[in-house]
Amino acid sequence: MPIVGGLDIHRKQITFDYLDSVTGQVQRGQISPADRGHLRAWLARFAGHGDAAFAVEGCTGWRYVAEELAAAGVAVHLAEPADTAFARGRKRHAKTDKTDCRHLRMLLAEGRLPECWIPPGRILECRALLELHHDLRAEHTAWAQRIHAVLFHQGAPALGEGTLRTGQGLAALRDVSAACLSPAGQLQVATALEVTQALETQLHAVRRQLLAEARHLAGAKVLAARLYGVGPFAALAMTCWLGGEGRFSSSRQAVRFAGLDVTVWSSDRKGPPGRLSRQGPPVLRWAVYEAGKTHARSSAPDHAYYAQVKDRCNGKRAALSEARKILRQACHILAELGDDAFAAT
């Protein structure tokens, strides 16, 4: 590669370090402010260089940088942050943006860069929608919990869990709020109801988009058809995060990627019990766990195993065990499909 370099991305600036192997010159500097327009103008210097490559760390902001590099005809290599830091070794000096760029450039030039997979643009859009839906659900749950907390804090009668889901329940909540809460408590409940209503409106719109994407993505349709308990959301999440040619060499790696593997930290012979690593996409972990819970139904094909684990441990452990099995099966199915999993149907 005549030109090889690294880019360190920050919100205010992008620091660059690249080597021109023809002239032997090393160029260093910053692109400020860090946005598409200024990056595109800076990349104009590589017009006509058919063999230029840059390494970018897979942190926040890598998407637009990778898209602009690809549009300019520059090869993009996305570095895995944790493995890249491990390749640095023991830190002897203060870490700066310049040293980060040089480190990425040297790893790429030596062929030692731990690379990540760069998904297609459509898959990135689906990932963003899934993350938005997950965040909206979390916010909706948090505001519902605030309502119940206010009622309990001021001694109001407890209402059922499904109070906010029906018109009759909302009417009962307003009656209890007017009769038992202080003016400030009534304002808290009224505000929470307005926010939850707005969140439900947004959730409905995002849900419609996700269902449309799941219906027209080959991998999601195959997973939903072949795996029990896997609905369109879970199928779409697994396709977006696990699909692709040669993503994982084994299904165990897919479980580790989702953060569902059990890790144990111990010193000598004593240590705490195992716990979930929880590393990886939270949306994928949530979707697979919800699919695993469906095996609690007596009609599920793996209900006997679920009941056995539940009796020995608890329902959560049983759902996690089923989630791992679903994830392994999905990994094998998507490996068979390869890049065809992203085909539009």
Protein backbone atom coordinates (compact mmCIF):
# COMPACT_ATOMS: atom_id res chain seq x y z
CA MET A 1 0.00 0.00 0.00
CA PRO A 2 1.64 3.29 -1.06
CA ILE A 3 -0.35 5.21 1.59
CA VAL A 4 -1.22 3.72 4.96
CA GLY A 5 -2.46 5.64 7.97
CA GLY A 6 -4.63 5.84 11.04
CA LEU A 7 -7.43 8.16 12.17
CA ASP A 8 -8.28 8.90 15.81
CA ILE A 9 -11.87 10.15 16.05
CA HIS A 10 -13.11 12.67 18.61
CA ARG A 11 -16.13 14.94 18.73
CA LYS A 12 -14.15 18.12 18.09
CA GLN A 13 -11.38 16.89 15.81
CA ILE A 14 -10.01 13.91 13.90
CA THR A 15 -6.28 13.35 14.28
CA PHE A 16 -4.51 11.72 11.32
CA ASP A 17 -1.16 10.05 10.81
CA TYR A 18 -0.26 8.49 7.46
CA LEU A 19 2.87 7.31 5.68
CA ASP A 20 3.56 7.70 1.97
CA SER A 21 5.77 4.71 1.25
CA VAL A 22 6.81 6.15 -2.13
CA THR A 23 8.34 9.33 -0.72
CA GLY A 24 8.89 8.06 2.83
CA GLN A 25 7.15 11.09 4.33
CA VAL A 26 4.90 10.93 7.36
CA GLN A 27 2.08 13.46 7.57
CA ARG A 28 0.41 14.31 10.88
CA GLY A 29 -2.30 16.80 11.78
CA GLN A 30 -5.92 17.35 12.70
CA ILE A 31 -9.22 17.76 10.86
CA SER A 32 -11.33 20.28 12.72
CA PRO A 33 -14.25 20.45 13.19
CA ALA A 34 -15.01 16.76 12.89
CA ASP A 35 -17.87 16.48 10.38
CA ARG A 36 -18.56 15.08 6.93
CA GLY A 37 -17.87 18.29 5.04
CA HIS A 38 -14.40 18.92 6.45
CA LEU A 39 -13.45 15.24 6.24
CA ARG A 40 -14.56 15.10 2.59
CA ALA A 41 -12.48 18.16 1.78
CA TRP A 42 -9.44 16.65 3.47
CA LEU A 43 -9.85 13.36 1.60
CA ALA A 44 -9.66 15.19 -1.74
CA ARG A 45 -5.86 15.00 -1.47
CA PHE A 46 -6.05 11.24 -2.07
CA ALA A 47 -7.87 11.56 -5.39
CA GLY A 48 -6.06 9.42 -7.93
CA HIS A 49 -4.32 7.27 -5.32
CA GLY A 50 -5.82 3.89 -5.99
CA ASP A 51 -4.03 2.11 -3.14
CA ALA A 52 -4.57 4.06 0.08
CA ALA A 53 -5.79 2.51 3.34
CA PHE A 54 -6.66 3.91 6.74
CA ALA A 55 -7.40 2.25 10.06
CA VAL A 56 -10.24 3.62 12.19
CA GLU A 57 -11.01 2.52 15.73
CA GLY A 58 -14.53 1.17 16.17
CA CYS A 59 -15.74 3.87 18.57
CA THR A 60 -18.57 6.39 18.33
CA GLY A 61 -18.34 8.28 15.04
CA TRP A 62 -16.72 5.55 12.96
CA ARG A 63 -19.73 5.20 10.68
CA TYR A 64 -19.56 8.52 8.85
CA VAL A 65 -15.76 8.36 8.71
CA ALA A 66 -15.87 4.90 7.12
CA GLU A 67 -18.56 6.01 4.66
CA GLU A 68 -16.57 9.05 3.55
CA LEU A 69 -13.37 7.02 3.20
CA ALA A 70 -15.14 4.45 1.06
CA ALA A 71 -16.74 7.17 -1.07
CA ALA A 72 -13.28 8.66 -1.68
CA GLY A 73 -11.91 5.30 -2.85
CA VAL A 74 -9.82 4.74 0.27
CA ALA A 75 -9.76 1.28 1.87
CA VAL A 76 -11.28 1.25 5.37
CA HIS A 77 -10.11 -1.04 8.18
CA LEU A 78 -12.19 -0.94 11.35
CA ALA A 79 -10.14 -1.78 14.45
CA GLU A 80 -11.56 -3.56 17.49
CA PRO A 81 -10.96 -1.16 20.43
CA ALA A 82 -10.15 -3.67 23.19
CA ASP A 83 -7.80 -5.82 21.08
CA THR A 84 -6.15 -2.70 19.68
CA ALA A 85 -5.43 -1.43 23.19
CA PHE A 86 -4.11 -4.87 24.16
CA ALA A 87 -1.74 -4.84 21.17
CA ARG A 88 -0.20 -1.65 22.56
CA GLY A 89 1.23 -3.53 25.51
CA ARG A 90 2.12 -1.94 28.81
CA LYS A 91 1.74 1.83 28.76
CA ARG A 92 5.08 3.55 29.36
CA HIS A 93 4.11 7.08 28.34
CA ALA A 94 0.96 9.20 28.39
CA LYS A 95 -1.49 8.18 25.68
CA THR A 96 -2.35 10.99 23.26
CA ASP A 97 -4.25 11.32 19.98
CA LYS A 98 -0.96 11.33 18.06
CA THR A 99 0.21 8.10 19.64
CA ASP A 100 -3.17 6.49 18.96
CA CYS A 101 -2.97 7.38 15.26
CA ARG A 102 0.59 6.13 15.00
CA HIS A 103 -0.35 2.91 16.78
CA LEU A 104 -3.22 2.26 14.33
CA ARG A 105 -1.00 3.06 11.35
CA MET A 106 1.77 0.72 12.51
CA LEU A 107 -0.63 -2.15 13.22
CA LEU A 108 -2.19 -1.77 9.77
CA ALA A 109 1.18 -1.58 8.01
CA GLU A 110 2.45 -4.66 9.85
CA GLY A 111 -0.73 -6.65 9.21
CA ARG A 112 -1.51 -7.00 12.92
CA LEU A 113 -4.64 -4.83 13.10
CA PRO A 114 -7.51 -6.65 14.90
CA GLU A 115 -10.33 -5.84 12.50
CA CYS A 116 -14.10 -5.66 12.95
CA TRP A 117 -16.73 -6.40 10.36
CA ILE A 118 -18.26 -3.36 8.65
CA PRO A 119 -21.97 -4.00 7.99
CA PRO A 120 -23.82 -2.76 4.89
CA GLY A 121 -25.67 0.53 5.13
CA ARG A 122 -29.10 -1.11 5.35
CA ILE A 123 -28.00 -3.23 8.31
CA LEU A 124 -26.63 -0.16 10.08
CA GLU A 125 -30.01 1.52 9.63
CA CYS A 126 -31.82 -1.50 11.07
CA ARG A 127 -29.43 -1.56 14.02
CA ALA A 128 -30.16 2.10 14.72
CA LEU A 129 -33.91 1.46 14.63
CA LEU A 130 -33.60 -1.52 16.97
CA GLU A 131 -31.53 0.53 19.42
CA LEU A 132 -34.07 3.35 19.26
CA HIS A 133 -36.93 0.94 19.98
CA HIS A 134 -35.00 -0.55 22.91
CA ASP A 135 -34.30 2.91 24.37
CA LEU A 136 -37.94 3.98 24.02
CA ARG A 137 -39.09 0.81 25.78
CA ALA A 138 -36.67 1.42 28.63
CA GLU A 139 -37.85 5.01 29.00
CA HIS A 140 -41.50 3.92 28.97
CA THR A 141 -40.83 1.37 31.72
CA ALA A 142 -38.94 3.94 33.78
CA TRP A 143 -41.81 6.46 33.67
CA ALA A 144 -44.34 3.76 34.59
CA GLN A 145 -42.21 2.85 37.58
CA ARG A 146 -42.10 6.52 38.60
CA ILE A 147 -45.91 6.59 38.71
CA HIS A 148 -46.08 3.55 40.99
CA ALA A 149 -43.32 5.02 43.16
CA VAL A 150 -45.27 8.26 43.65
CA LEU A 151 -48.41 6.34 44.59
CA PHE A 152 -46.54 4.25 47.14
CA HIS A 153 -44.60 7.22 48.55
CA GLN A 154 -47.84 9.09 49.33
CA GLY A 155 -49.74 6.05 50.57
CA ALA A 156 -52.19 5.67 47.71
CA PRO A 157 -53.78 2.26 47.02
CA ALA A 158 -51.65 -0.02 44.87
CA LEU A 159 -52.77 -0.52 41.28
CA GLY A 160 -52.14 -3.49 39.04
CA GLU A 161 -49.16 -3.82 36.70
CA GLY A 162 -51.34 -3.40 33.61
CA THR A 163 -52.96 -0.19 34.79
CA LEU A 164 -51.37 1.96 32.08
CA ARG A 165 -52.35 -0.39 29.26
CA THR A 166 -56.14 0.06 29.33
CA GLY A 167 -58.48 3.04 29.36
CA GLN A 168 -60.22 1.71 32.46
CA GLY A 169 -56.93 1.48 34.30
CA LEU A 170 -55.95 5.03 33.33
CA ALA A 171 -59.29 6.31 34.59
CA ALA A 172 -58.75 4.50 37.91
CA LEU A 173 -55.26 6.01 38.16
CA ARG A 174 -56.60 9.53 37.68
CA ASP A 175 -59.27 8.96 40.34
CA VAL A 176 -56.70 7.68 42.84
CA SER A 177 -54.36 10.55 41.99
CA ALA A 178 -57.08 13.18 42.61
CA ALA A 179 -58.23 11.57 45.87
CA CYS A 180 -54.96 10.51 47.51
CA LEU A 181 -52.08 12.58 46.17
CA SER A 182 -50.85 16.06 47.00
CA PRO A 183 -50.84 18.75 44.28
CA ALA A 184 -47.19 18.06 43.53
CA GLY A 185 -47.87 14.31 43.36
CA GLN A 186 -50.78 14.89 40.99
CA LEU A 187 -48.51 16.95 38.76
CA GLN A 188 -45.90 14.17 38.81
CA VAL A 189 -48.45 11.58 37.70
CA ALA A 190 -49.98 13.85 35.03
CA THR A 191 -46.54 14.64 33.60
CA ALA A 192 -45.58 10.97 33.59
CA LEU A 193 -48.78 10.06 31.75
CA GLU A 194 -48.12 12.68 29.07
CA VAL A 195 -44.58 11.43 28.56
CA THR A 196 -45.64 7.78 28.36
CA GLN A 197 -48.29 8.65 25.79
CA ALA A 198 -45.71 10.42 23.64
CA LEU A 199 -43.35 7.47 24.01
CA GLU A 200 -46.08 5.04 22.95
CA THR A 201 -46.72 7.09 19.82
CA GLN A 202 -43.05 6.96 18.88
CA LEU A 203 -42.84 3.26 19.76
CA HIS A 204 -45.73 2.48 17.43
CA ALA A 205 -44.07 4.30 14.52
CA VAL A 206 -40.68 2.64 15.06
CA ARG A 207 -42.32 -0.76 15.51
CA ARG A 208 -44.02 -0.46 12.12
CA GLN A 209 -40.69 0.29 10.43
CA LEU A 210 -39.00 -2.65 12.13
CA LEU A 211 -41.75 -5.05 11.14
CA ALA A 212 -41.48 -3.87 7.55
CA GLU A 213 -37.71 -4.43 7.57
CA ALA A 214 -38.10 -7.90 9.10
CA ARG A 215 -40.63 -8.90 6.43
CA HIS A 216 -38.25 -7.94 3.61
CA LEU A 217 -34.92 -9.30 4.95
CA ALA A 218 -34.10 -12.87 3.96
CA GLY A 219 -32.21 -13.80 7.12
CA ALA A 220 -34.92 -12.50 9.44
CA LYS A 221 -37.63 -14.42 7.56
CA VAL A 222 -35.67 -17.68 7.70
CA LEU A 223 -34.91 -17.36 11.42
CA ALA A 224 -38.51 -16.52 12.30
CA ALA A 225 -39.72 -19.53 10.30
CA ARG A 226 -37.23 -22.09 11.63
CA LEU A 227 -36.76 -21.15 15.29
CA TYR A 228 -39.54 -21.46 17.85
CA GLY A 229 -40.19 -18.30 19.86
CA VAL A 230 -38.21 -16.06 17.51
CA GLY A 231 -40.45 -13.25 16.35
CA PRO A 232 -39.69 -10.55 13.78
CA PHE A 233 -37.81 -8.35 16.27
CA ALA A 234 -35.53 -11.09 17.56
CA ALA A 235 -34.98 -12.42 14.03
CA LEU A 236 -34.07 -8.97 12.76
CA ALA A 237 -31.70 -8.33 15.68
CA MET A 238 -29.88 -11.66 15.21
CA THR A 239 -29.59 -11.09 11.47
CA CYS A 240 -28.20 -7.58 11.92
CA TRP A 241 -25.60 -8.53 14.55
CA LEU A 242 -24.76 -12.13 13.68
CA GLY A 243 -25.21 -12.28 9.89
CA GLY A 244 -22.48 -12.03 7.29
CA GLU A 245 -20.06 -14.34 5.52
CA GLY A 246 -17.53 -15.84 7.94
CA ARG A 247 -18.53 -13.71 10.93
CA PHE A 248 -17.93 -16.41 13.56
CA SER A 249 -15.85 -19.55 13.38
CA SER A 250 -18.06 -21.24 15.98
CA SER A 251 -21.41 -20.69 17.67
CA ARG A 252 -19.58 -20.26 20.98
CA GLN A 253 -18.08 -17.05 19.65
CA ALA A 254 -21.58 -15.78 18.85
CA VAL A 255 -22.69 -16.45 22.43
CA ARG A 256 -19.64 -14.59 23.71
CA PHE A 257 -20.29 -11.72 21.31
CA ALA A 258 -23.84 -11.35 22.66
CA GLY A 259 -22.58 -11.24 26.25
CA LEU A 260 -24.47 -14.37 27.31
CA ASP A 261 -21.39 -16.40 28.26
CA VAL A 262 -20.60 -16.98 31.92
CA THR A 263 -17.37 -15.46 33.18
CA VAL A 264 -15.60 -16.23 36.46
CA TRP A 265 -12.94 -14.05 38.03
CA SER A 266 -10.94 -15.75 40.74
CA SER A 267 -7.75 -15.21 42.69
CA ASP A 268 -5.95 -18.44 43.54
CA ARG A 269 -8.66 -20.95 44.53
CA LYS A 270 -11.33 -18.57 45.79
CA GLY A 271 -13.67 -16.53 43.67
CA PRO A 272 -17.27 -15.39 43.27
CA PRO A 273 -19.80 -17.45 41.33
CA GLY A 274 -20.04 -17.02 37.59
CA ARG A 275 -21.94 -14.12 36.08
CA LEU A 276 -22.93 -12.98 32.62
CA SER A 277 -20.29 -10.93 30.85
CA ARG A 278 -22.97 -8.57 29.41
CA GLN A 279 -20.54 -7.46 26.74
CA GLY A 280 -21.94 -6.78 23.32
CA PRO A 281 -25.17 -5.31 21.94
CA PRO A 282 -27.81 -4.96 24.69
CA VAL A 283 -30.57 -5.10 22.06
CA LEU A 284 -29.42 -8.50 20.83
CA ARG A 285 -29.15 -9.84 24.37
CA TRP A 286 -32.65 -8.60 25.25
CA ALA A 287 -34.22 -9.98 22.06
CA VAL A 288 -32.71 -13.45 22.47
CA TYR A 289 -33.64 -13.58 26.15
CA GLU A 290 -37.26 -12.74 25.33
CA ALA A 291 -37.23 -15.53 22.73
CA GLY A 292 -35.88 -17.93 25.35
CA LYS A 293 -38.72 -17.10 27.74
CA THR A 294 -41.27 -18.41 25.25
CA HIS A 295 -40.14 -21.97 26.03
CA ALA A 296 -42.00 -21.68 29.33
CA ARG A 297 -45.13 -22.53 27.34
CA SER A 298 -46.18 -26.14 27.57
CA SER A 299 -46.52 -26.26 23.78
CA ALA A 300 -42.86 -25.31 23.22
CA PRO A 301 -40.73 -28.08 21.69
CA ASP A 302 -38.05 -27.66 24.38
CA HIS A 303 -40.40 -27.12 27.32
CA ALA A 304 -39.21 -30.24 29.16
CA TYR A 305 -35.64 -28.94 29.30
CA TYR A 306 -36.85 -25.48 30.34
CA ALA A 307 -38.91 -26.95 33.18
CA GLN A 308 -35.99 -29.10 34.32
CA VAL A 309 -33.64 -26.11 34.55
CA LYS A 310 -36.34 -24.00 36.21
CA ASP A 311 -36.90 -26.63 38.92
CA ARG A 312 -33.17 -26.96 39.53
CA CYS A 313 -32.33 -23.23 39.41
CA ASN A 314 -35.00 -20.66 38.49
CA GLY A 315 -36.95 -19.31 35.55
CA LYS A 316 -34.34 -16.72 34.63
CA ARG A 317 -31.59 -19.32 34.37
CA ALA A 318 -33.86 -21.48 32.25
CA ALA A 319 -34.61 -18.60 29.85
CA LEU A 320 -30.89 -17.78 29.59
CA SER A 321 -30.09 -21.39 28.78
CA GLU A 322 -32.73 -21.43 26.05
CA ALA A 323 -31.45 -18.08 24.76
CA ARG A 324 -27.96 -19.54 24.30
CA LYS A 325 -29.39 -22.50 22.39
CA ILE A 326 -31.39 -20.18 20.14
CA LEU A 327 -28.32 -18.05 19.53
CA ARG A 328 -26.22 -21.07 18.54
CA GLN A 329 -28.90 -22.33 16.17
CA ALA A 330 -29.27 -18.87 14.62
CA CYS A 331 -25.51 -18.65 14.14
CA HIS A 332 -25.48 -21.93 12.17
CA ILE A 333 -28.46 -20.88 10.05
CA LEU A 334 -26.96 -17.50 9.22
CA ALA A 335 -23.60 -19.13 8.44
CA GLU A 336 -25.37 -21.30 5.85
CA LEU A 337 -27.03 -18.25 4.32
CA GLY A 338 -23.83 -16.17 4.28
CA ASP A 339 -24.26 -12.74 2.75
CA ASP A 340 -27.59 -13.88 1.26
CA ALA A 341 -29.07 -13.22 4.71
CA PHE A 342 -29.01 -9.51 3.83
CA ALA A 343 -30.82 -9.97 0.54
CA ALA A 344 -34.11 -8.13 0.12
CA THR A 345 -37.18 -10.27 -0.43
